[in-house]
Protein backbone atom coordinates (compact mmCIF):
# COMPACT_ATOMS: atom_id res chain seq x y z
CA UNK A 1 -130.94 71.81 17.08
CA UNK A 2 -130.86 67.65 17.31
CA UNK A 3 -127.51 65.67 16.16
CA UNK A 4 -127.98 63.87 12.93
CA UNK A 5 -127.98 60.13 13.45
CA UNK A 6 -125.41 58.06 11.43
CA UNK A 7 -126.48 55.13 9.38
CA UNK A 8 -125.55 51.98 10.77
CA UNK A 9 -123.84 50.93 7.09
CA UNK A 10 -121.65 54.04 7.67
CA UNK A 11 -120.80 52.85 11.41
CA UNK A 12 -119.77 49.09 10.02
CA UNK A 13 -117.74 50.75 7.48
CA UNK A 14 -115.89 52.89 10.06
CA UNK A 15 -115.48 49.79 12.37
CA UNK A 16 -113.93 47.66 9.46
CA UNK A 17 -111.69 50.65 8.67
CA UNK A 18 -110.11 51.14 12.48
CA UNK A 19 -109.97 47.29 12.44
CA UNK A 20 -107.69 47.07 9.47
CA UNK A 21 -105.64 49.91 10.69
CA UNK A 22 -104.78 48.48 13.99
CA UNK A 23 -104.27 44.78 12.44
CA UNK A 24 -102.04 46.97 9.91
CA UNK A 25 -99.91 48.58 13.08
CA UNK A 26 -99.57 45.16 14.54
CA UNK A 27 -98.22 43.27 11.58
CA UNK A 28 -96.01 46.15 10.89
CA UNK A 29 -94.76 45.87 14.46
CA UNK A 30 -94.46 42.31 14.60
CA UNK A 31 -92.35 42.41 10.96
CA UNK A 32 -90.03 44.99 12.36
CA UNK A 33 -89.52 42.93 15.41
CA UNK A 34 -88.89 39.89 13.28
CA UNK A 35 -86.94 41.83 11.24
CA UNK A 36 -84.32 43.10 13.86
CA UNK A 37 -84.26 39.44 15.31
CA UNK A 38 -83.09 38.27 12.03
CA UNK A 39 -80.75 41.16 11.92
CA UNK A 40 -79.27 40.07 15.21
CA UNK A 41 -79.01 36.73 14.27
CA UNK A 42 -77.44 37.59 11.17
CA UNK A 43 -75.21 40.12 12.92
CA UNK A 44 -74.46 37.03 15.47
CA UNK A 45 -73.61 34.86 12.52
CA UNK A 46 -71.32 37.14 10.90
CA UNK A 47 -69.66 37.60 14.39
CA UNK A 48 -69.25 33.73 14.59
CA UNK A 49 -67.86 33.64 10.98
CA UNK A 50 -65.59 36.45 11.70
CA UNK A 51 -64.19 35.19 15.21
CA UNK A 52 -63.94 31.35 13.24
CA UNK A 53 -61.84 32.99 10.52
CA UNK A 54 -59.80 35.10 13.01
CA UNK A 55 -59.16 32.11 15.31
CA UNK A 56 -58.00 29.86 11.95
CA UNK A 57 -55.90 33.04 10.93
CA UNK A 58 -54.26 33.05 14.32
CA UNK A 59 -53.88 28.89 14.07
CA UNK A 60 -52.36 29.46 10.68
CA UNK A 61 -50.44 32.45 11.65
CA UNK A 62 -48.98 30.16 14.76
CA UNK A 63 -48.40 27.05 12.57
CA UNK A 64 -46.69 29.26 10.08
CA UNK A 65 -44.50 30.79 12.98
CA UNK A 66 -43.99 27.46 14.40
CA UNK A 67 -42.88 26.08 10.89
CA UNK A 68 -40.45 29.22 10.52
CA UNK A 69 -39.23 28.43 14.18
CA UNK A 70 -38.48 24.83 13.31
CA UNK A 71 -37.09 25.63 10.00
CA UNK A 72 -35.01 28.49 11.70
CA UNK A 73 -34.08 25.85 14.24
CA UNK A 74 -33.33 23.08 11.44
CA UNK A 75 -31.18 25.37 9.69
CA UNK A 76 -29.25 26.59 12.48
CA UNK A 77 -28.70 23.03 13.19
CA UNK A 78 -27.31 22.28 9.63
CA UNK A 79 -25.58 25.84 10.11
CA UNK A 80 -23.81 24.28 13.25
CA UNK A 81 -23.12 20.89 12.00
CA UNK A 82 -21.47 22.79 9.08
CA UNK A 83 -19.37 24.61 11.44
CA UNK A 84 -18.52 21.67 13.16
CA UNK A 85 -17.55 19.72 9.91
CA UNK A 86 -15.86 23.27 8.88
CA UNK A 87 -13.99 22.88 12.37
CA UNK A 88 -13.46 19.35 11.65
CA UNK A 89 -11.89 19.91 8.45
CA UNK A 90 -9.78 22.72 9.49
CA UNK A 91 -8.32 20.53 12.18
CA UNK A 92 -7.63 17.81 9.28
CA UNK A 93 -6.21 20.28 6.98
CA UNK A 94 -4.05 21.73 9.85
CA UNK A 95 -2.88 18.41 10.59
CA UNK A 96 -2.01 17.55 7.12
CA UNK A 97 0.02 20.48 6.50
CA UNK A 98 1.79 19.62 9.80
CA UNK A 99 2.37 16.14 8.68
CA UNK A 100 3.64 17.50 5.34
CA UNK A 101 6.00 19.13 7.19
CA UNK A 102 6.95 16.59 9.31
CA UNK A 103 7.44 14.57 6.35
CA UNK A 104 9.74 16.98 4.35
CA UNK A 105 12.00 17.56 7.69
CA UNK A 106 12.43 13.97 8.02
CA UNK A 107 13.90 13.44 4.31
CA UNK A 108 15.69 16.71 5.25
CA UNK A 109 17.17 14.38 8.09
CA UNK A 110 16.00 16.97 10.56
CA UNK A 111 14.76 14.22 12.63
CA UNK A 112 13.96 16.28 16.11
CA UNK A 113 11.98 18.93 14.21
CA UNK A 114 9.99 16.40 12.67
CA UNK A 115 9.18 14.27 15.69
CA UNK A 116 8.24 17.45 17.29
CA UNK A 117 5.93 18.48 14.60
CA UNK A 118 4.45 14.84 14.54
CA UNK A 119 3.86 15.26 18.55
CA UNK A 120 2.02 18.31 17.83
CA UNK A 121 -0.46 16.85 15.63
CA UNK A 122 -0.85 13.92 17.82
CA UNK A 123 -1.22 16.17 20.71
CA UNK A 124 -4.70 17.42 18.65
CA UNK A 125 -5.58 14.61 16.88
CA UNK A 126 -4.59 11.06 18.79
CA UNK A 127 -5.90 9.00 15.73
CA UNK A 128 -3.88 10.53 13.26
CA UNK A 129 -1.80 7.58 11.90
CA UNK A 130 0.33 9.16 9.71
CA UNK A 131 2.12 11.07 12.48
CA UNK A 132 2.75 8.02 14.72
CA UNK A 133 4.35 6.35 11.30
CA UNK A 134 6.78 9.48 10.68
CA UNK A 135 7.70 9.91 13.89
CA UNK A 136 8.56 5.82 14.13
CA UNK A 137 10.87 5.99 11.20
CA UNK A 138 12.44 9.25 12.60
CA UNK A 139 13.23 7.88 15.74
CA UNK A 140 14.62 4.93 14.16
CA UNK A 141 16.79 7.03 12.18
CA UNK A 142 17.87 8.73 15.53
CA UNK A 143 18.79 5.44 16.93
CA UNK A 144 15.93 4.64 19.26
CA UNK A 145 14.56 1.48 17.37
CA UNK A 146 12.01 0.36 20.53
CA UNK A 147 10.06 3.57 20.42
CA UNK A 148 10.46 4.07 16.66
CA UNK A 149 9.03 0.59 15.90
CA UNK A 150 6.27 1.15 18.66
CA UNK A 151 4.87 4.26 16.92
CA UNK A 152 4.98 2.49 13.46
CA UNK A 153 3.13 -0.26 14.97
CA UNK A 154 0.79 1.97 16.65
CA UNK A 155 0.23 3.34 12.96
CA UNK A 156 -0.89 0.07 11.85
CA UNK A 157 -2.75 -0.60 14.48
CA UNK A 158 -5.14 2.52 13.58
CA UNK A 159 -4.87 1.56 9.96
CA UNK A 160 -3.58 -2.05 9.19
CA UNK A 161 -3.36 -1.50 5.28
CA UNK A 162 -1.37 1.81 5.32
CA UNK A 163 1.26 1.84 2.96
CA UNK A 164 3.94 3.54 3.97
CA UNK A 165 3.34 2.54 7.43
CA UNK A 166 4.02 -1.15 6.38
CA UNK A 167 6.89 0.00 4.23
CA UNK A 168 8.59 2.05 7.30
CA UNK A 169 8.04 -1.18 9.45
CA UNK A 170 10.43 -3.04 6.95
CA UNK A 171 12.75 -0.47 6.31
CA UNK A 172 13.27 0.08 10.54
CA UNK A 173 13.55 -3.72 10.88
CA UNK A 174 16.26 -4.06 8.15
CA UNK A 175 18.01 -0.74 9.40
CA UNK A 176 18.60 -2.60 13.02
CA UNK A 177 19.56 -5.97 11.27
CA UNK A 178 16.45 -8.04 11.68
CA UNK A 179 16.75 -8.91 7.89
CA UNK A 180 14.26 -12.05 8.08
CA UNK A 181 11.56 -10.27 9.79
CA UNK A 182 12.19 -7.37 7.32
CA UNK A 183 11.70 -9.51 4.34
CA UNK A 184 8.38 -10.84 5.88
CA UNK A 185 7.34 -7.37 6.30
CA UNK A 186 8.03 -6.22 2.96
CA UNK A 187 6.21 -8.92 1.75
CA UNK A 188 3.33 -7.65 3.71
CA UNK A 189 3.87 -4.06 2.48
CA UNK A 190 3.76 -5.76 -1.35
CA UNK A 191 0.33 -7.21 -0.35
CA UNK A 192 -0.97 -3.41 -0.11
CA UNK A 193 0.89 -1.82 -2.60
CA UNK A 194 3.01 -3.31 -5.59
CA UNK A 195 3.67 0.19 -7.37
CA UNK A 196 6.34 1.40 -4.81
CA UNK A 197 9.80 0.67 -6.28
CA UNK A 198 11.34 1.06 -2.96
CA UNK A 199 9.92 -2.07 -1.42
CA UNK A 200 11.43 -4.29 -4.10
CA UNK A 201 14.75 -2.16 -3.68
CA UNK A 202 14.60 -2.87 0.08
CA UNK A 203 14.45 -6.64 -0.31
CA UNK A 204 17.02 -6.58 -3.12
CA UNK A 205 19.05 -4.74 -0.63
CA UNK A 206 18.76 -7.36 2.09
CA UNK A 207 19.50 -10.44 -0.70
CA UNK A 208 22.63 -7.96 -1.61
CA UNK A 209 24.02 -8.21 2.05
CA UNK A 210 23.44 -11.85 1.78
CA UNK A 211 25.31 -12.15 -1.47
CA UNK A 212 22.30 -13.68 -3.09
CA UNK A 213 22.89 -12.22 -6.75
CA UNK A 214 20.21 -14.21 -8.10
CA UNK A 215 17.08 -12.57 -5.86
CA UNK A 216 19.28 -9.30 -5.79
CA UNK A 217 18.67 -8.97 -9.66
CA UNK A 218 15.30 -10.40 -9.35
CA UNK A 219 13.92 -7.53 -7.11
CA UNK A 220 15.96 -4.95 -8.23
CA UNK A 221 14.85 -5.51 -11.85
CA UNK A 222 11.06 -4.97 -10.53
CA UNK A 223 12.13 -1.52 -8.88
CA UNK A 224 13.93 -0.49 -11.96
CA UNK A 225 10.69 -1.39 -14.03
CA UNK A 226 8.86 0.96 -11.83
CA UNK A 227 11.70 3.87 -11.64
CA UNK A 228 14.94 3.78 -13.27
CA UNK A 229 16.34 6.29 -10.45
CA UNK A 230 16.73 3.57 -8.23
CA UNK A 231 19.90 2.42 -10.30
CA UNK A 232 21.49 5.65 -9.56
CA UNK A 233 21.03 4.89 -5.57
CA UNK A 234 22.16 1.16 -6.05
CA UNK A 235 25.49 2.19 -7.61
CA UNK A 236 26.82 3.55 -4.25
CA UNK A 237 24.71 1.60 -1.79
CA UNK A 238 26.86 -0.46 0.35
CA UNK A 239 24.26 -3.13 0.91
CA UNK A 240 24.84 -4.35 -2.65
CA UNK A 241 29.15 -4.40 -2.10
CA UNK A 242 28.70 -8.19 -1.64
CA UNK A 243 27.26 -8.66 -5.01
CA UNK A 244 29.16 -5.86 -7.10
CA UNK A 245 31.49 -8.56 -8.50
CA UNK A 246 28.35 -10.06 -10.53
CA UNK A 247 28.67 -8.96 -13.95
CA UNK A 248 24.92 -9.59 -14.30
CA UNK A 249 24.44 -7.03 -11.60
CA UNK A 250 26.98 -4.39 -12.78
CA UNK A 251 24.97 -4.40 -16.36
CA UNK A 252 21.48 -4.09 -14.60
CA UNK A 253 22.65 -1.00 -12.58
CA UNK A 254 24.69 0.73 -15.49
CA UNK A 255 22.67 -0.07 -18.25
């Protein structure tokens, strides 16, 4: 039995169909490769973006850490400064407390202890001018004028306008009979403090020694205006013995 021949038209149709299928397969593979390539590119971009974000995050974290460390360092520095200031204040407060003790001991006539505490202050704080002053006047009351006046002068060298220092210098000079120098020193004391009645009283007492009634009354009157208590002191003060015969003086201190 002979084979049946396939018409030419049918062969053409079959060939077109095969070519279409082949082209379709090729196109599909190409698209798949392209998609894979795009996908890989997308993945790479995503990876790069993620890496960049991570690096930025690290930079921000590091910067934040550095700022934290800097802030901590600043805080520690401030803390150390505060501690230093606190220590300084403690030292100053301790000196102030000791100075008050020395001051009170001087007025209790315990000159030895007053001087000893002043020395303690100066061993810790060599520029504590008030300690030199209280030590100086205590030494003078102990009879050591040279060392006493030297310490008072040191106090004034550190603080020239220290009122109590100027007063004590005048007082020390008066105690040891340097009356003219004492008057000048009292005048200098008045330049920085006109509210201290004992400056006027000191001047009055020197004029009292001189027997100068007019000036004694003048400065005693100024002292009384500031503090009436000075009258009680003047009633028994030997410095005024040379003016006690004056009725005006007696009226002033007894009124």
